[in-house]
């Protein structure tokens, strides 16, 4: 996990209180239940990021009284979410403080990635995102209701392999996914208005969160990959999508379709029809099955280079307006290294620089993710941590 930039504890607590206040409407009544839930999340978040803090450390870090912290910690210990590590080795006079931590091994998270071409992948992790078990399922040619059944089967196998109580299930799905976990549209899986989150929750009787795979990847990059506060994560697989983090927060958009760049038309000169019915969508240039097919038709290394450069150029064309409008600090690509890194990445970076005001600020960094194939499942785990514990 990427280390947090060190700031004084009081500043961290004040910043978090300010962020909380900013989402409460002026004049609105904050109920005791809501305030307590928020304070629990602050404590869990501080422990998750820091490890080994005393009750006094927590009080200073989150800006709450020691009495309030002691009360919250007692409840969290009773819920098995927090454990005592023992006494701090302290040379100062007085009674040594008892150190606390999140119960990192006490719960498991199940996370699924449905974005791979012809493959569903899933993992069991601990609360730190350490992968404890992996499963995958071949879904070549599987679409519609059969694909939903395949997700359920894979999920059942993973839940059975968890050695600790499952805190929740996170799923990264291709396509447009609304706040209720309904997959509104995923053409490559033949899904339209599929209530995947509710279906999986009914099947497992566990908390389930479903989100777009690129949004999940963006959360992983922000949490574990050390991404900039203003980042665009491009996810390339069976389709093409992106997740936008602006000011450190994920942007969803008015209709849950923020970052859906795969079906933006970037040139009809390729002559290929997309799964959505249009001609010249970015996916026809960049989606892995399409890109591999073009490379297989390439006669020599020079033609192969041209195919990759053209795909990178179309990517750069599609996202340059977004980069320029939001003044993004980073663009991160996630997908097969052998196809995306090198010629394609360089072409995309050059296209972005040539189409934005890069001269005034150097332009965004354009790089591959360091999280590899686990980026979506790690993001799905972050979704569970946020949804169940308030950790982000």
Protein backbone atom coordinates (compact mmCIF):
# COMPACT_ATOMS: atom_id res chain seq x y z
CA UNK A 1 0.00 0.00 0.00
CA UNK A 2 1.33 3.42 -0.93
CA UNK A 3 2.44 5.40 2.13
CA UNK A 4 0.49 8.52 3.03
CA UNK A 5 2.21 11.90 2.90
CA UNK A 6 3.01 12.76 6.50
CA UNK A 7 1.13 15.72 7.93
CA UNK A 8 0.61 16.85 11.51
CA UNK A 9 -2.10 14.87 13.23
CA UNK A 10 -4.13 17.94 14.07
CA UNK A 11 -4.14 19.03 10.43
CA UNK A 12 -5.34 15.60 9.32
CA UNK A 13 -8.17 15.65 11.82
CA UNK A 14 -9.21 19.19 10.88
CA UNK A 15 -9.13 18.35 7.17
CA UNK A 16 -11.38 15.34 7.68
CA UNK A 17 -13.82 17.34 9.78
CA UNK A 18 -13.90 19.98 7.04
CA UNK A 19 -14.60 17.35 4.34
CA UNK A 20 -17.47 15.97 6.45
CA UNK A 21 -18.91 19.45 6.95
CA UNK A 22 -18.72 20.14 3.23
CA UNK A 23 -21.19 17.35 2.42
CA UNK A 24 -23.75 18.40 5.03
CA UNK A 25 -26.27 20.96 3.81
CA UNK A 26 -26.15 24.26 5.70
CA UNK A 27 -28.74 24.18 8.47
CA UNK A 28 -29.25 20.43 8.20
CA UNK A 29 -29.56 18.47 11.42
CA UNK A 30 -26.83 15.91 12.02
CA UNK A 31 -28.31 13.07 14.04
CA UNK A 32 -26.35 11.43 16.88
CA UNK A 33 -26.39 8.16 14.93
CA UNK A 34 -24.87 9.79 11.87
CA UNK A 35 -22.24 11.61 13.91
CA UNK A 36 -21.28 8.40 15.71
CA UNK A 37 -21.05 6.47 12.44
CA UNK A 38 -18.84 9.20 11.02
CA UNK A 39 -16.59 9.18 14.10
CA UNK A 40 -16.26 5.39 13.92
CA UNK A 41 -15.14 5.73 10.31
CA UNK A 42 -12.55 8.36 11.29
CA UNK A 43 -11.08 6.04 13.93
CA UNK A 44 -11.02 3.03 11.60
CA UNK A 45 -9.45 5.08 8.81
CA UNK A 46 -6.71 6.43 11.06
CA UNK A 47 -5.89 2.97 12.36
CA UNK A 48 -5.98 1.47 8.87
CA UNK A 49 -3.43 3.97 7.55
CA UNK A 50 -1.16 4.21 10.57
CA UNK A 51 -1.11 0.91 12.53
CA UNK A 52 -0.21 0.81 16.19
CA UNK A 53 -1.84 3.92 17.71
CA UNK A 54 -2.89 4.52 21.30
CA UNK A 55 -6.23 5.97 22.33
CA UNK A 56 -4.48 9.28 23.02
CA UNK A 57 -2.87 9.19 19.54
CA UNK A 58 -6.30 8.67 17.99
CA UNK A 59 -7.83 11.54 19.96
CA UNK A 60 -5.15 13.91 18.69
CA UNK A 61 -5.32 12.61 15.11
CA UNK A 62 -9.07 12.83 14.57
CA UNK A 63 -9.85 15.77 16.84
CA UNK A 64 -12.14 13.97 19.29
CA UNK A 65 -12.02 13.83 23.10
CA UNK A 66 -10.35 10.93 24.85
CA UNK A 67 -13.66 9.97 26.43
CA UNK A 68 -15.32 9.78 23.01
CA UNK A 69 -12.39 7.80 21.59
CA UNK A 70 -12.44 5.33 24.49
CA UNK A 71 -16.16 4.77 23.98
CA UNK A 72 -15.77 4.26 20.23
CA UNK A 73 -12.79 1.93 20.63
CA UNK A 74 -14.68 -0.19 23.17
CA UNK A 75 -17.50 -0.68 20.66
CA UNK A 76 -15.07 -1.48 17.83
CA UNK A 77 -13.26 -4.05 19.96
CA UNK A 78 -16.62 -5.62 20.85
CA UNK A 79 -17.40 -5.80 17.11
CA UNK A 80 -14.00 -7.49 16.55
CA UNK A 81 -12.98 -4.70 14.15
CA UNK A 82 -10.18 -3.40 16.40
CA UNK A 83 -7.64 -5.32 18.45
CA UNK A 84 -5.14 -4.40 21.17
CA UNK A 85 -1.53 -5.09 20.20
CA UNK A 86 0.02 -4.70 23.65
CA UNK A 87 1.92 -1.99 25.48
CA UNK A 88 4.05 0.55 23.64
CA UNK A 89 7.77 0.33 24.35
CA UNK A 90 8.22 3.81 25.82
CA UNK A 91 11.15 5.36 27.64
CA UNK A 92 8.98 8.17 28.96
CA UNK A 93 7.83 8.06 32.60
CA UNK A 94 4.33 6.88 33.39
CA UNK A 95 2.19 3.94 32.39
CA UNK A 96 2.90 2.76 28.81
CA UNK A 97 0.01 3.21 26.40
CA UNK A 98 -1.84 0.25 24.87
CA UNK A 99 -1.53 0.18 21.10
CA UNK A 100 -4.49 -0.52 18.82
CA UNK A 101 -4.89 -1.67 15.25
CA UNK A 102 -7.54 -2.72 12.76
CA UNK A 103 -8.19 -6.45 12.98
CA UNK A 104 -6.49 -6.94 9.63
CA UNK A 105 -6.60 -10.74 9.58
CA UNK A 106 -9.97 -11.04 11.28
CA UNK A 107 -12.07 -10.56 8.14
CA UNK A 108 -11.87 -11.47 4.48
CA UNK A 109 -12.98 -9.57 1.39
CA UNK A 110 -14.10 -11.28 -1.81
CA UNK A 111 -13.43 -9.28 -4.98
CA UNK A 112 -14.30 -10.03 -8.61
CA UNK A 113 -13.07 -8.63 -11.93
CA UNK A 114 -15.42 -9.24 -14.88
CA UNK A 115 -13.53 -7.09 -17.38
CA UNK A 116 -11.16 -9.62 -18.95
CA UNK A 117 -11.85 -10.96 -22.42
CA UNK A 118 -13.37 -14.46 -22.04
CA UNK A 119 -12.39 -14.69 -18.36
CA UNK A 120 -13.89 -13.82 -14.98
CA UNK A 121 -11.34 -13.49 -12.15
CA UNK A 122 -11.81 -13.38 -8.40
CA UNK A 123 -9.74 -13.26 -5.22
CA UNK A 124 -10.05 -13.50 -1.47
CA UNK A 125 -8.05 -10.82 0.36
CA UNK A 126 -7.46 -9.68 3.91
CA UNK A 127 -8.22 -6.09 4.93
CA UNK A 128 -4.80 -4.94 3.70
CA UNK A 129 -5.55 -6.12 0.17
CA UNK A 130 -3.18 -9.07 0.39
CA UNK A 131 -4.44 -11.76 -1.99
CA UNK A 132 -4.95 -15.02 -0.10
CA UNK A 133 -6.67 -17.11 -2.78
CA UNK A 134 -7.43 -16.85 -6.51
CA UNK A 135 -10.06 -18.37 -8.78
CA UNK A 136 -10.94 -17.83 -12.43
CA UNK A 137 -13.57 -19.03 -14.85
CA UNK A 138 -13.53 -19.32 -18.64
CA UNK A 139 -16.59 -17.51 -20.02
CA UNK A 140 -15.84 -17.68 -23.75
CA UNK A 141 -19.08 -16.96 -25.57
CA UNK A 142 -21.06 -16.63 -22.33
CA UNK A 143 -23.44 -13.64 -22.24
CA UNK A 144 -26.78 -12.54 -20.79
CA UNK A 145 -28.34 -14.55 -17.97
CA UNK A 146 -25.70 -17.28 -18.36
CA UNK A 147 -22.99 -14.71 -17.57
CA UNK A 148 -24.85 -13.67 -14.40
CA UNK A 149 -25.01 -17.33 -13.37
CA UNK A 150 -21.27 -17.66 -14.03
CA UNK A 151 -20.57 -14.69 -11.73
CA UNK A 152 -22.65 -16.32 -9.00
CA UNK A 153 -20.87 -19.65 -9.37
CA UNK A 154 -17.42 -18.04 -9.18
CA UNK A 155 -18.50 -16.02 -6.18
CA UNK A 156 -19.74 -19.11 -4.35
CA UNK A 157 -16.40 -20.82 -4.87
CA UNK A 158 -14.53 -17.84 -3.47
CA UNK A 159 -16.75 -17.40 -0.42
CA UNK A 160 -16.25 -21.08 0.38
CA UNK A 161 -12.47 -20.59 0.38
CA UNK A 162 -12.48 -17.67 2.85
CA UNK A 163 -10.90 -18.63 6.17
CA UNK A 164 -12.37 -15.64 8.04
CA UNK A 165 -15.80 -13.98 8.14
CA UNK A 166 -16.44 -12.19 4.83
CA UNK A 167 -16.76 -8.44 5.41
CA UNK A 168 -18.28 -7.92 1.98
CA UNK A 169 -18.08 -8.57 -1.74
CA UNK A 170 -16.84 -6.10 -4.34
CA UNK A 171 -17.37 -6.53 -8.08
CA UNK A 172 -15.80 -4.58 -10.94
CA UNK A 173 -18.00 -4.93 -14.02
CA UNK A 174 -17.57 -3.56 -17.53
CA UNK A 175 -20.18 -1.11 -18.77
CA UNK A 176 -22.30 1.56 -17.08
CA UNK A 177 -23.20 0.75 -13.48
CA UNK A 178 -25.48 2.93 -11.36
CA UNK A 179 -25.31 3.65 -7.61
CA UNK A 180 -27.54 0.66 -6.84
CA UNK A 181 -25.21 -1.78 -8.62
CA UNK A 182 -27.49 -2.18 -11.63
CA UNK A 183 -25.49 -2.78 -14.81
CA UNK A 184 -27.35 -0.41 -17.12
CA UNK A 185 -25.39 -1.40 -20.20
CA UNK A 186 -22.52 -3.81 -20.85
CA UNK A 187 -22.72 -4.64 -24.58
CA UNK A 188 -19.83 -7.11 -24.54
CA UNK A 189 -21.60 -9.23 -21.90
CA UNK A 190 -25.06 -8.76 -23.40
CA UNK A 191 -26.29 -7.04 -20.22
CA UNK A 192 -28.92 -4.30 -20.06
CA UNK A 193 -30.51 -3.18 -16.78
CA UNK A 194 -29.16 -6.21 -14.91
CA UNK A 195 -29.56 -5.81 -11.09
CA UNK A 196 -26.28 -7.61 -10.44
CA UNK A 197 -25.67 -6.22 -6.94
CA UNK A 198 -29.10 -7.26 -5.67
CA UNK A 199 -28.89 -10.67 -7.34
CA UNK A 200 -25.53 -11.47 -5.77
CA UNK A 201 -26.61 -10.17 -2.36
CA UNK A 202 -29.68 -12.42 -2.47
CA UNK A 203 -27.53 -15.39 -3.46
CA UNK A 204 -24.85 -14.93 -0.79
CA UNK A 205 -26.71 -13.04 1.98
CA UNK A 206 -23.62 -10.83 2.25
CA UNK A 207 -23.06 -7.11 1.60
CA UNK A 208 -22.29 -6.64 -2.12
CA UNK A 209 -21.07 -3.58 -4.02
CA UNK A 210 -20.91 -3.52 -7.83
CA UNK A 211 -19.22 -0.71 -9.76
CA UNK A 212 -17.71 -0.07 -13.16
CA UNK A 213 -14.37 -1.86 -13.50
CA UNK A 214 -12.47 1.28 -14.53
CA UNK A 215 -13.85 3.16 -11.52
CA UNK A 216 -12.72 0.29 -9.31
CA UNK A 217 -9.28 0.43 -10.93
CA UNK A 218 -9.08 4.17 -10.31
CA UNK A 219 -9.83 3.59 -6.62
CA UNK A 220 -7.07 0.99 -6.45
CA UNK A 221 -4.59 3.29 -8.14
CA UNK A 222 -5.48 6.11 -5.74
CA UNK A 223 -5.29 3.87 -2.64
CA UNK A 224 -2.50 1.42 -3.44
CA UNK A 225 -0.72 2.90 -6.47
CA UNK A 226 0.12 6.39 -5.23
CA UNK A 227 -1.77 8.16 -8.02
CA UNK A 228 -2.09 11.93 -8.21
CA UNK A 229 -5.20 13.58 -6.72
CA UNK A 230 -6.25 14.46 -10.29
CA UNK A 231 -5.88 11.32 -12.37
CA UNK A 232 -7.50 9.52 -15.27
CA UNK A 233 -7.17 5.74 -15.22
CA UNK A 234 -7.69 4.09 -18.62
CA UNK A 235 -8.73 0.45 -18.37
CA UNK A 236 -8.15 -1.57 -21.56
CA UNK A 237 -9.45 -5.11 -21.81
CA UNK A 238 -12.51 -6.65 -23.44
CA UNK A 239 -13.65 -3.02 -23.79
CA UNK A 240 -12.21 0.40 -22.98
CA UNK A 241 -13.26 2.56 -20.04
CA UNK A 242 -11.80 5.05 -17.63
CA UNK A 243 -12.12 6.21 -14.05
CA UNK A 244 -11.69 9.85 -13.11
CA UNK A 245 -10.33 11.00 -9.76
CA UNK A 246 -10.57 14.78 -9.29
CA UNK A 247 -9.49 16.41 -6.05
CA UNK A 248 -8.86 12.94 -4.60
CA UNK A 249 -12.45 11.80 -5.16
CA UNK A 250 -13.99 9.52 -7.74
CA UNK A 251 -16.21 11.29 -10.29
CA UNK A 252 -19.33 9.31 -11.22
CA UNK A 253 -21.21 11.76 -13.44
CA UNK A 254 -24.88 12.71 -13.67
CA UNK A 255 -25.94 9.33 -15.06
CA UNK A 256 -23.20 7.07 -13.61
CA UNK A 257 -21.38 7.14 -16.96
CA UNK A 258 -18.37 9.34 -16.18
CA UNK A 259 -15.28 8.03 -17.98
CA UNK A 260 -17.18 5.95 -20.54
CA UNK A 261 -14.84 6.74 -23.42
CA UNK A 262 -14.97 3.37 -25.16
CA UNK A 263 -17.89 4.34 -27.37
CA UNK A 264 -16.65 7.82 -28.26
CA UNK A 265 -16.13 7.93 -32.03
CA UNK A 266 -12.53 8.83 -32.83
CA UNK A 267 -12.38 8.16 -36.54
CA UNK A 268 -14.33 6.12 -39.06
CA UNK A 269 -11.32 5.57 -41.33
CA UNK A 270 -10.69 2.19 -39.64
CA UNK A 271 -13.98 0.96 -41.03
CA UNK A 272 -14.83 -1.34 -38.11
CA UNK A 273 -18.27 -1.57 -36.54
CA UNK A 274 -18.42 -1.53 -32.75
CA UNK A 275 -20.55 -3.84 -30.57
CA UNK A 276 -22.72 -0.79 -29.82
CA UNK A 277 -23.56 -0.43 -33.54
CA UNK A 278 -21.53 2.70 -34.32
CA UNK A 279 -18.46 2.82 -36.54
CA UNK A 280 -15.09 4.10 -35.34
CA UNK A 281 -15.54 3.92 -31.56
CA UNK A 282 -12.35 4.00 -29.51
CA UNK A 283 -12.95 0.34 -28.62
CA UNK A 284 -12.61 -0.65 -32.28
CA UNK A 285 -9.07 0.77 -32.17
CA UNK A 286 -7.98 -0.13 -28.66
CA UNK A 287 -9.96 -3.03 -27.11
CA UNK A 288 -7.62 -6.00 -26.72
CA UNK A 289 -9.44 -8.48 -29.02
CA UNK A 290 -9.59 -5.86 -31.80
CA UNK A 291 -6.00 -4.77 -31.28
CA UNK A 292 -4.70 -8.33 -31.28
CA UNK A 293 -6.59 -9.11 -34.48
CA UNK A 294 -4.99 -6.11 -36.22
CA UNK A 295 -1.56 -7.11 -35.00
CA UNK A 296 -2.03 -10.66 -36.27
CA UNK A 297 -2.77 -9.23 -39.72
CA UNK A 298 0.38 -7.09 -39.65
CA UNK A 299 2.87 -8.27 -42.26
CA UNK A 300 6.09 -7.14 -40.54
CA UNK A 301 7.44 -5.30 -37.45
CA UNK A 302 7.03 -1.90 -39.14
CA UNK A 303 3.34 -2.53 -39.75
CA UNK A 304 2.93 -3.82 -36.19
CA UNK A 305 4.52 -0.61 -34.91
CA UNK A 306 2.10 1.42 -37.03
CA UNK A 307 -0.91 -0.46 -35.61
CA UNK A 308 0.17 0.25 -32.02
CA UNK A 309 1.01 3.88 -32.79
CA UNK A 310 -2.39 4.42 -34.41
CA UNK A 311 -4.18 2.94 -31.40
CA UNK A 312 -2.20 5.18 -29.05
CA UNK A 313 -2.96 8.21 -31.19
CA UNK A 314 -6.72 7.50 -31.10
CA UNK A 315 -6.54 7.14 -27.33
CA UNK A 316 -4.74 10.48 -27.07
CA UNK A 317 -7.30 12.14 -29.34
CA UNK A 318 -10.20 10.89 -27.23
CA UNK A 319 -8.87 11.98 -23.82
CA UNK A 320 -6.99 15.20 -24.66
CA UNK A 321 -10.10 17.37 -24.15
CA UNK A 322 -10.67 15.78 -20.73
CA UNK A 323 -7.02 16.24 -19.73
CA UNK A 324 -7.11 19.86 -20.83
CA UNK A 325 -10.46 20.72 -19.28
CA UNK A 326 -9.65 19.21 -15.88
CA UNK A 327 -5.90 19.98 -15.84
CA UNK A 328 -5.14 16.39 -14.86
CA UNK A 329 -1.81 15.53 -13.30
CA UNK A 330 -1.62 11.92 -14.46
CA UNK A 331 -2.98 9.54 -17.06
CA UNK A 332 -2.49 5.88 -16.07
CA UNK A 333 -3.05 2.91 -18.38
CA UNK A 334 -4.07 -0.52 -17.14
CA UNK A 335 -4.04 -3.61 -19.35
CA UNK A 336 -1.62 -6.03 -21.04
CA UNK A 337 1.91 -4.63 -20.76
CA UNK A 338 3.10 -6.30 -23.96
CA UNK A 339 0.49 -4.38 -25.98
CA UNK A 340 0.10 -1.08 -24.14
CA UNK A 341 3.59 -0.26 -22.89
CA UNK A 342 6.12 1.17 -25.32
CA UNK A 343 4.90 2.30 -28.74
CA UNK A 344 1.22 2.67 -27.85
CA UNK A 345 1.89 4.48 -24.56
CA UNK A 346 4.44 6.81 -26.18
CA UNK A 347 2.07 7.62 -29.02
CA UNK A 348 -0.76 8.44 -26.60
CA UNK A 349 1.53 10.67 -24.52
CA UNK A 350 2.80 12.56 -27.57
CA UNK A 351 -0.75 13.05 -28.88
CA UNK A 352 -1.91 14.44 -25.52
CA UNK A 353 1.06 16.82 -25.38
CA UNK A 354 0.44 18.04 -28.93
CA UNK A 355 -3.26 18.68 -28.28
CA UNK A 356 -3.14 20.35 -24.86
CA UNK A 357 -1.31 23.30 -23.29
CA UNK A 358 1.55 21.10 -22.15
CA UNK A 359 4.14 23.84 -22.67
CA UNK A 360 2.77 25.89 -19.77
CA UNK A 361 2.89 23.14 -17.15
CA UNK A 362 4.73 20.20 -18.67
CA UNK A 363 1.56 18.21 -19.35
CA UNK A 364 0.34 15.18 -17.43
CA UNK A 365 2.50 12.20 -16.62
CA UNK A 366 1.43 9.28 -18.80
CA UNK A 367 2.39 5.87 -17.40
CA UNK A 368 1.39 2.26 -16.90
CA UNK A 369 -0.06 1.17 -13.58
CA UNK A 370 2.24 -0.65 -11.18
CA UNK A 371 -0.63 -2.77 -9.81
CA UNK A 372 -0.71 -5.20 -12.72
CA UNK A 373 -3.57 -7.62 -13.27
CA UNK A 374 -4.93 -7.20 -9.74
CA UNK A 375 -5.87 -3.54 -10.15
CA UNK A 376 -9.63 -4.13 -10.52
CA UNK A 377 -9.93 -6.68 -7.70
CA UNK A 378 -7.91 -4.39 -5.42
CA UNK A 379 -10.27 -1.57 -6.30
CA UNK A 380 -13.24 -3.82 -5.56
CA UNK A 381 -11.69 -4.52 -2.15
CA UNK A 382 -11.37 -0.76 -1.57
CA UNK A 383 -15.09 -0.45 -2.36
CA UNK A 384 -15.86 -2.91 0.45
CA UNK A 385 -13.52 -1.16 2.89
CA UNK A 386 -15.22 2.15 2.12
CA UNK A 387 -18.75 0.80 2.13
CA UNK A 388 -18.47 -1.32 5.28
CA UNK A 389 -15.89 0.54 7.37
CA UNK A 390 -15.75 4.05 5.92
CA UNK A 391 -12.05 3.61 5.07
CA UNK A 392 -10.88 5.36 1.90
